[in-house]
Amino acid sequence: MSLTTHVSRTLAALLLSVAGGVWFTAAPAQAQEFCNGGGVNVVVDFQEMGGGVSQECVEDGGGKLAAQVFEDAGFDVTPVGAFPGAACQIEGKPTEAACQRMPPANAYWGLFLANEKTWDYAPKGADQLKLEDGAYVAFSWQSSRTPALPRVAPTPAAEPTGAAAQESESNNGGEGADEAAQPSDPENGGFSVWVAILAVVALGAGVGAVLVTRQRREGA
């Protein structure tokens, strides 16, 4: 194989790898967010049981009881038999729970309500706690007598930007049409792709110049 052929194949492979790398990293997954505007923000934190933190927005949750809002959010909550305002299991956890009686003080689901951007124990059970529009409510697993607060801050979702904002403005009567014509954000990946491609092209041109010079010297 000639040096020219080897370099050409190497450059082609490099171009594909660079472009492919930018392609797969340009659009990271978006994290879940709380309600943007009205609705009730619902959180379930499994803590050390595994399962992470789940959060949902129930847009029509204002005025409903917490038990109903958790159900509307899609969480499978099994109440304690004699005390329906307390949760025995959520999504089947903990698996060994005996739901006929109240759980012990170091192994139970704590019900929390956000108060001025901080979490605190809810003053009522989930079957009696009526939630206002914009409220933050959470079940967080407790494995000791020290409260384990939900591991997400009760803060509103950020205002939509970019394509989401343009879609929202379009749905509201087409306001913001001028902003829709703005160029895309370089961080979205398009600018990075062109920089990578131009860098590879420049590299190829440099290597080509070296090969031409070398061939002329050998011919002389």
C-alpha atoms as a PDB file:
ATOM      1  CA  MET A   1       0.000   0.000   0.000  1.00  0.00           C
ATOM      2  CA  SER A   2       1.351   3.430  -0.979  1.00  0.00           C
ATOM      3  CA  LEU A   3       1.828   6.209   1.544  1.00  0.00           C
ATOM      4  CA  THR A   4      -0.795   8.305  -0.249  1.00  0.00           C
ATOM      5  CA  THR A   5      -3.440   5.562   0.021  1.00  0.00           C
ATOM      6  CA  HIS A   6      -2.653   4.965   3.685  1.00  0.00           C
ATOM      7  CA  VAL A   7      -2.956   8.652   4.548  1.00  0.00           C
ATOM      8  CA  SER A   8      -6.229   8.984   2.618  1.00  0.00           C
ATOM      9  CA  ARG A   9      -7.803   6.090   4.495  1.00  0.00           C
ATOM     10  CA  THR A  10      -6.565   7.438   7.817  1.00  0.00           C
ATOM     11  CA  LEU A  11      -8.065  10.857   7.095  1.00  0.00           C
ATOM     12  CA  ALA A  12     -11.404   9.299   6.111  1.00  0.00           C
ATOM     13  CA  ALA A  13     -11.527   7.301   9.339  1.00  0.00           C
ATOM     14  CA  LEU A  14     -10.632  10.376  11.364  1.00  0.00           C
ATOM     15  CA  LEU A  15     -13.371  12.421   9.728  1.00  0.00           C
ATOM     16  CA  LEU A  16     -15.985   9.786  10.501  1.00  0.00           C
ATOM     17  CA  SER A  17     -14.871   9.382  14.094  1.00  0.00           C
ATOM     18  CA  VAL A  18     -14.802  13.107  14.804  1.00  0.00           C
ATOM     19  CA  ALA A  19     -18.161  13.753  13.165  1.00  0.00           C
ATOM     20  CA  GLY A  20     -19.653  10.727  14.886  1.00  0.00           C
ATOM     21  CA  GLY A  21     -18.341  11.830  18.271  1.00  0.00           C
ATOM     22  CA  VAL A  22     -19.874  15.279  17.887  1.00  0.00           C
ATOM     23  CA  TRP A  23     -23.130  13.765  16.677  1.00  0.00           C
ATOM     24  CA  PHE A  24     -23.612  11.523  19.696  1.00  0.00           C
ATOM     25  CA  THR A  25     -22.619  14.151  22.282  1.00  0.00           C
ATOM     26  CA  ALA A  26     -24.429  17.151  20.818  1.00  0.00           C
ATOM     27  CA  ALA A  27     -27.836  16.419  22.396  1.00  0.00           C
ATOM     28  CA  PRO A  28     -27.566  15.180  26.000  1.00  0.00           C
ATOM     29  CA  ALA A  29     -30.682  13.878  27.698  1.00  0.00           C
ATOM     30  CA  GLN A  30     -32.678  16.551  29.474  1.00  0.00           C
ATOM     31  CA  ALA A  31     -33.283  16.225  33.161  1.00  0.00           C
ATOM     32  CA  GLN A  32     -36.810  16.123  34.519  1.00  0.00           C
ATOM     33  CA  GLU A  33     -38.168  19.456  35.703  1.00  0.00           C
ATOM     34  CA  PHE A  34     -40.881  20.748  37.929  1.00  0.00           C
ATOM     35  CA  CYS A  35     -43.998  22.465  36.625  1.00  0.00           C
ATOM     36  CA  ASN A  36     -43.430  25.637  34.671  1.00  0.00           C
ATOM     37  CA  GLY A  37     -46.314  27.700  35.912  1.00  0.00           C
ATOM     38  CA  GLY A  38     -49.430  26.053  37.321  1.00  0.00           C
ATOM     39  CA  GLY A  39     -49.720  22.534  38.644  1.00  0.00           C
ATOM     40  CA  VAL A  40     -48.547  20.449  41.589  1.00  0.00           C
ATOM     41  CA  ASN A  41     -44.960  19.210  41.703  1.00  0.00           C
ATOM     42  CA  VAL A  42     -44.740  15.592  42.856  1.00  0.00           C
ATOM     43  CA  VAL A  43     -41.570  13.846  44.066  1.00  0.00           C
ATOM     44  CA  VAL A  44     -40.758  10.307  45.185  1.00  0.00           C
ATOM     45  CA  ASP A  45     -37.263   9.733  46.592  1.00  0.00           C
ATOM     46  CA  PHE A  46     -36.319   6.098  47.170  1.00  0.00           C
ATOM     47  CA  GLN A  47     -33.103   7.096  48.965  1.00  0.00           C
ATOM     48  CA  GLU A  48     -30.852   4.089  49.738  1.00  0.00           C
ATOM     49  CA  MET A  49     -33.474   1.543  48.629  1.00  0.00           C
ATOM     50  CA  GLY A  50     -32.486   2.255  45.031  1.00  0.00           C
ATOM     51  CA  GLY A  51     -34.619   3.718  42.304  1.00  0.00           C
ATOM     52  CA  GLY A  52     -33.347   7.282  42.455  1.00  0.00           C
ATOM     53  CA  VAL A  53     -35.593  10.322  42.558  1.00  0.00           C
ATOM     54  CA  SER A  54     -38.699  10.628  40.402  1.00  0.00           C
ATOM     55  CA  GLN A  55     -40.506  13.900  39.882  1.00  0.00           C
ATOM     56  CA  GLU A  56     -43.644  14.695  37.928  1.00  0.00           C
ATOM     57  CA  CYS A  57     -45.905  17.639  37.241  1.00  0.00           C
ATOM     58  CA  VAL A  58     -49.644  17.197  37.727  1.00  0.00           C
ATOM     59  CA  GLU A  59     -51.034  20.215  35.917  1.00  0.00           C
ATOM     60  CA  ASP A  60     -54.548  19.923  37.334  1.00  0.00           C
ATOM     61  CA  GLY A  61     -53.424  18.941  40.842  1.00  0.00           C
ATOM     62  CA  GLY A  62     -54.396  22.185  42.553  1.00  0.00           C
ATOM     63  CA  GLY A  63     -57.258  21.645  44.982  1.00  0.00           C
ATOM     64  CA  LYS A  64     -56.814  17.852  45.055  1.00  0.00           C
ATOM     65  CA  LEU A  65     -55.748  15.639  47.946  1.00  0.00           C
ATOM     66  CA  ALA A  66     -52.146  14.475  47.985  1.00  0.00           C
ATOM     67  CA  ALA A  67     -53.178  10.827  47.693  1.00  0.00           C
ATOM     68  CA  GLN A  68     -55.022  11.586  44.449  1.00  0.00           C
ATOM     69  CA  VAL A  69     -52.164  13.684  43.086  1.00  0.00           C
ATOM     70  CA  PHE A  70     -49.642  10.883  43.581  1.00  0.00           C
ATOM     71  CA  GLU A  71     -51.991   8.544  41.774  1.00  0.00           C
ATOM     72  CA  ASP A  72     -52.455  11.045  38.936  1.00  0.00           C
ATOM     73  CA  ALA A  73     -48.662  11.325  38.685  1.00  0.00           C
ATOM     74  CA  GLY A  74     -48.496   7.595  37.962  1.00  0.00           C
ATOM     75  CA  PHE A  75     -47.085   6.345  41.269  1.00  0.00           C
ATOM     76  CA  ASP A  76     -48.336   3.041  42.677  1.00  0.00           C
ATOM     77  CA  VAL A  77     -48.862   3.859  46.356  1.00  0.00           C
ATOM     78  CA  THR A  78     -50.084   1.177  48.762  1.00  0.00           C
ATOM     79  CA  PRO A  79     -51.489   2.785  51.926  1.00  0.00           C
ATOM     80  CA  VAL A  80     -51.200   1.413  55.449  1.00  0.00           C
ATOM     81  CA  GLY A  81     -54.376  -0.549  56.125  1.00  0.00           C
ATOM     82  CA  ALA A  82     -55.517   1.174  59.313  1.00  0.00           C
ATOM     83  CA  PHE A  83     -54.066   4.567  58.355  1.00  0.00           C
ATOM     84  CA  PRO A  84     -54.782   5.327  54.682  1.00  0.00           C
ATOM     85  CA  GLY A  85     -52.989   8.683  54.906  1.00  0.00           C
ATOM     86  CA  ALA A  86     -49.651   6.880  55.348  1.00  0.00           C
ATOM     87  CA  ALA A  87     -47.825   5.034  52.587  1.00  0.00           C
ATOM     88  CA  CYS A  88     -46.751   1.454  53.175  1.00  0.00           C
ATOM     89  CA  GLN A  89     -45.200   0.788  49.750  1.00  0.00           C
ATOM     90  CA  ILE A  90     -44.463   2.861  46.669  1.00  0.00           C
ATOM     91  CA  GLU A  91     -43.832   0.955  43.467  1.00  0.00           C
ATOM     92  CA  GLY A  92     -43.693  -2.173  45.616  1.00  0.00           C
ATOM     93  CA  LYS A  93     -40.925  -0.877  47.898  1.00  0.00           C
ATOM     94  CA  PRO A  94     -39.994  -1.888  50.508  1.00  0.00           C
ATOM     95  CA  THR A  95     -40.847  -5.430  49.467  1.00  0.00           C
ATOM     96  CA  GLU A  96     -40.878  -6.803  53.021  1.00  0.00           C
ATOM     97  CA  ALA A  97     -43.341  -4.234  54.388  1.00  0.00           C
ATOM     98  CA  ALA A  98     -46.342  -5.416  56.388  1.00  0.00           C
ATOM     99  CA  CYS A  99     -49.092  -3.042  55.353  1.00  0.00           C
ATOM    100  CA  GLN A 100     -51.639  -3.957  58.023  1.00  0.00           C
ATOM    101  CA  ARG A 101     -49.985  -1.754  60.667  1.00  0.00           C
ATOM    102  CA  MET A 102     -47.906   1.412  60.893  1.00  0.00           C
ATOM    103  CA  PRO A 103     -44.235   0.920  59.968  1.00  0.00           C
ATOM    104  CA  PRO A 104     -41.446   1.504  62.501  1.00  0.00           C
ATOM    105  CA  ALA A 105     -39.910   4.947  63.048  1.00  0.00           C
ATOM    106  CA  ASN A 106     -36.716   3.956  61.216  1.00  0.00           C
ATOM    107  CA  ALA A 107     -38.311   2.430  58.106  1.00  0.00           C
ATOM    108  CA  TYR A 108     -41.205   4.376  56.633  1.00  0.00           C
ATOM    109  CA  TRP A 109     -42.272   6.727  53.838  1.00  0.00           C
ATOM    110  CA  GLY A 110     -42.220  10.313  55.061  1.00  0.00           C
ATOM    111  CA  LEU A 111     -44.651  12.779  53.508  1.00  0.00           C
ATOM    112  CA  PHE A 112     -43.123  16.214  52.904  1.00  0.00           C
ATOM    113  CA  LEU A 113     -44.448  19.573  51.795  1.00  0.00           C
ATOM    114  CA  ALA A 114     -42.291  22.437  50.549  1.00  0.00           C
ATOM    115  CA  ASN A 115     -42.450  25.629  52.570  1.00  0.00           C
ATOM    116  CA  GLU A 116     -40.685  28.657  51.045  1.00  0.00           C
ATOM    117  CA  LYS A 117     -38.192  26.561  49.071  1.00  0.00           C
ATOM    118  CA  THR A 118     -37.472  24.147  51.937  1.00  0.00           C
ATOM    119  CA  TRP A 119     -38.941  20.731  52.698  1.00  0.00           C
ATOM    120  CA  ASP A 120     -40.752  19.962  55.941  1.00  0.00           C
ATOM    121  CA  TYR A 121     -43.008  17.180  57.179  1.00  0.00           C
ATOM    122  CA  ALA A 122     -46.566  17.528  55.926  1.00  0.00           C
ATOM    123  CA  PRO A 123     -49.055  18.561  58.627  1.00  0.00           C
ATOM    124  CA  LYS A 124     -51.604  15.936  57.506  1.00  0.00           C
ATOM    125  CA  GLY A 125     -51.737  12.532  55.919  1.00  0.00           C
ATOM    126  CA  ALA A 126     -51.940  12.108  52.163  1.00  0.00           C
ATOM    127  CA  ASP A 127     -55.675  11.358  52.396  1.00  0.00           C
ATOM    128  CA  GLN A 128     -56.405  14.714  54.090  1.00  0.00           C
ATOM    129  CA  LEU A 129     -53.723  17.032  52.728  1.00  0.00           C
ATOM    130  CA  LYS A 130     -55.286  19.324  50.115  1.00  0.00           C
ATOM    131  CA  LEU A 131     -52.685  20.872  47.806  1.00  0.00           C
ATOM    132  CA  GLU A 132     -52.663  24.363  46.369  1.00  0.00           C
ATOM    133  CA  ASP A 133     -51.724  25.105  42.788  1.00  0.00           C
ATOM    134  CA  GLY A 134     -47.939  25.413  42.599  1.00  0.00           C
ATOM    135  CA  ALA A 135     -47.358  23.207  45.662  1.00  0.00           C
ATOM    136  CA  TYR A 136     -44.458  20.784  46.095  1.00  0.00           C
ATOM    137  CA  VAL A 137     -45.237  17.450  47.733  1.00  0.00           C
ATOM    138  CA  ALA A 138     -42.991  14.415  48.215  1.00  0.00           C
ATOM    139  CA  PHE A 139     -42.695  10.951  49.672  1.00  0.00           C
ATOM    140  CA  SER A 140     -39.128  10.283  50.816  1.00  0.00           C
ATOM    141  CA  TRP A 141     -37.940   6.995  52.333  1.00  0.00           C
ATOM    142  CA  GLN A 142     -36.779   7.257  55.954  1.00  0.00           C
ATOM    143  CA  SER A 143     -34.311   4.756  57.371  1.00  0.00           C
ATOM    144  CA  SER A 144     -33.456   6.525  60.644  1.00  0.00           C
ATOM    145  CA  ARG A 145     -34.899   9.012  63.099  1.00  0.00           C
ATOM    146  CA  THR A 146     -33.030  11.822  61.316  1.00  0.00           C
ATOM    147  CA  PRO A 147     -35.242  13.177  58.502  1.00  0.00           C
ATOM    148  CA  ALA A 148     -34.056  12.283  55.012  1.00  0.00           C
ATOM    149  CA  LEU A 149     -35.322  15.203  52.950  1.00  0.00           C
ATOM    150  CA  PRO A 150     -36.126  14.746  49.254  1.00  0.00           C
ATOM    151  CA  ARG A 151     -32.925  15.198  47.258  1.00  0.00           C
ATOM    152  CA  VAL A 152     -34.315  17.792  44.865  1.00  0.00           C
ATOM    153  CA  ALA A 153     -34.792  21.467  45.624  1.00  0.00           C
ATOM    154  CA  PRO A 154     -38.380  22.723  45.362  1.00  0.00           C
ATOM    155  CA  THR A 155     -37.662  25.375  42.755  1.00  0.00           C
ATOM    156  CA  PRO A 156     -39.722  26.209  39.655  1.00  0.00           C
ATOM    157  CA  ALA A 157     -38.654  25.020  36.228  1.00  0.00           C
ATOM    158  CA  ALA A 158     -36.681  27.497  34.142  1.00  0.00           C
ATOM    159  CA  GLU A 159     -38.484  29.526  31.514  1.00  0.00           C
ATOM    160  CA  PRO A 160     -38.430  27.749  28.122  1.00  0.00           C
ATOM    161  CA  THR A 161     -35.733  28.862  25.713  1.00  0.00           C
ATOM    162  CA  GLY A 162     -34.826  28.212  22.086  1.00  0.00           C
ATOM    163  CA  ALA A 163     -37.156  25.909  20.181  1.00  0.00           C
ATOM    164  CA  ALA A 164     -39.393  25.348  23.213  1.00  0.00           C
ATOM    165  CA  ALA A 165     -39.917  29.082  23.661  1.00  0.00           C
ATOM    166  CA  GLN A 166     -40.630  29.548  19.945  1.00  0.00           C
ATOM    167  CA  GLU A 167     -43.210  26.754  20.024  1.00  0.00           C
ATOM    168  CA  SER A 168     -44.832  28.275  23.094  1.00  0.00           C
ATOM    169  CA  GLU A 169     -44.942  31.721  21.493  1.00  0.00           C
ATOM    170  CA  SER A 170     -46.391  30.220  18.315  1.00  0.00           C
ATOM    171  CA  ASN A 171     -49.137  28.564  20.337  1.00  0.00           C
ATOM    172  CA  ASN A 172     -49.889  31.918  21.974  1.00  0.00           C
ATOM    173  CA  GLY A 173     -50.632  33.676  18.700  1.00  0.00           C
ATOM    174  CA  GLY A 174     -47.299  33.923  16.932  1.00  0.00           C
ATOM    175  CA  GLU A 175     -45.611  36.397  19.267  1.00  0.00           C
ATOM    176  CA  GLY A 176     -41.841  36.342  19.129  1.00  0.00           C
ATOM    177  CA  ALA A 177     -41.599  35.557  15.421  1.00  0.00           C
ATOM    178  CA  ASP A 178     -38.497  37.745  15.169  1.00  0.00           C
ATOM    179  CA  GLU A 179     -36.710  35.606  17.750  1.00  0.00           C
ATOM    180  CA  ALA A 180     -37.543  32.482  15.741  1.00  0.00           C
ATOM    181  CA  ALA A 181     -35.293  33.737  12.951  1.00  0.00           C
ATOM    182  CA  GLN A 182     -32.233  33.921  15.199  1.00  0.00           C
ATOM    183  CA  PRO A 183     -29.324  31.535  14.436  1.00  0.00           C
ATOM    184  CA  SER A 184     -29.057  28.360  16.430  1.00  0.00           C
ATOM    185  CA  ASP A 185     -27.052  28.264  19.635  1.00  0.00           C
ATOM    186  CA  PRO A 186     -23.500  26.999  19.017  1.00  0.00           C
ATOM    187  CA  GLU A 187     -23.806  24.789  22.083  1.00  0.00           C
ATOM    188  CA  ASN A 188     -26.516  22.795  20.358  1.00  0.00           C
ATOM    189  CA  GLY A 189     -23.913  21.010  18.303  1.00  0.00           C
ATOM    190  CA  GLY A 190     -24.191  22.472  14.761  1.00  0.00           C
ATOM    191  CA  PHE A 191     -21.257  24.845  15.181  1.00  0.00           C
ATOM    192  CA  SER A 192     -19.138  22.094  16.752  1.00  0.00           C
ATOM    193  CA  VAL A 193     -19.741  19.778  13.809  1.00  0.00           C
ATOM    194  CA  TRP A 194     -18.481  22.354  11.299  1.00  0.00           C
ATOM    195  CA  VAL A 195     -15.421  23.148  13.395  1.00  0.00           C
ATOM    196  CA  ALA A 196     -14.554  19.442  13.540  1.00  0.00           C
ATOM    197  CA  ILE A 197     -15.013  18.992   9.795  1.00  0.00           C
ATOM    198  CA  LEU A 198     -12.950  22.074   8.934  1.00  0.00           C
ATOM    199  CA  ALA A 199     -10.195  20.907  11.255  1.00  0.00           C
ATOM    200  CA  VAL A 200     -10.007  17.550   9.495  1.00  0.00           C
ATOM    201  CA  VAL A 201     -10.032  19.218   6.052  1.00  0.00           C
ATOM    202  CA  ALA A 202      -7.193  21.500   7.115  1.00  0.00           C
ATOM    203  CA  LEU A 203      -5.248  18.514   8.385  1.00  0.00           C
ATOM    204  CA  GLY A 204      -5.787  16.719   5.097  1.00  0.00           C
ATOM    205  CA  ALA A 205      -4.574  19.731   3.125  1.00  0.00           C
ATOM    206  CA  GLY A 206      -1.421  19.898   5.199  1.00  0.00           C
ATOM    207  CA  VAL A 207      -0.656  16.229   4.757  1.00  0.00           C
ATOM    208  CA  GLY A 208      -1.325  16.528   1.020  1.00  0.00           C
ATOM    209  CA  ALA A 209       1.164  19.364   0.702  1.00  0.00           C
ATOM    210  CA  VAL A 210       3.798  17.297   2.468  1.00  0.00           C
ATOM    211  CA  LEU A 211       3.193  14.364   0.123  1.00  0.00           C
ATOM    212  CA  VAL A 212       3.486  16.542  -2.983  1.00  0.00           C
ATOM    213  CA  THR A 213       6.741  18.037  -1.765  1.00  0.00           C
ATOM    214  CA  ARG A 214       8.127  14.613  -0.969  1.00  0.00           C
ATOM    215  CA  GLN A 215       7.177  13.216  -4.385  1.00  0.00           C
ATOM    216  CA  ARG A 216       8.825  16.138  -6.177  1.00  0.00           C
ATOM    217  CA  ARG A 217      12.039  15.607  -4.249  1.00  0.00           C
ATOM    218  CA  GLU A 218      12.018  11.909  -5.038  1.00  0.00           C
ATOM    219  CA  GLY A 219      11.395  12.659  -8.753  1.00  0.00           C
ATOM    220  CA  ALA A 220      14.307  15.091  -8.812  1.00  0.00           C
END
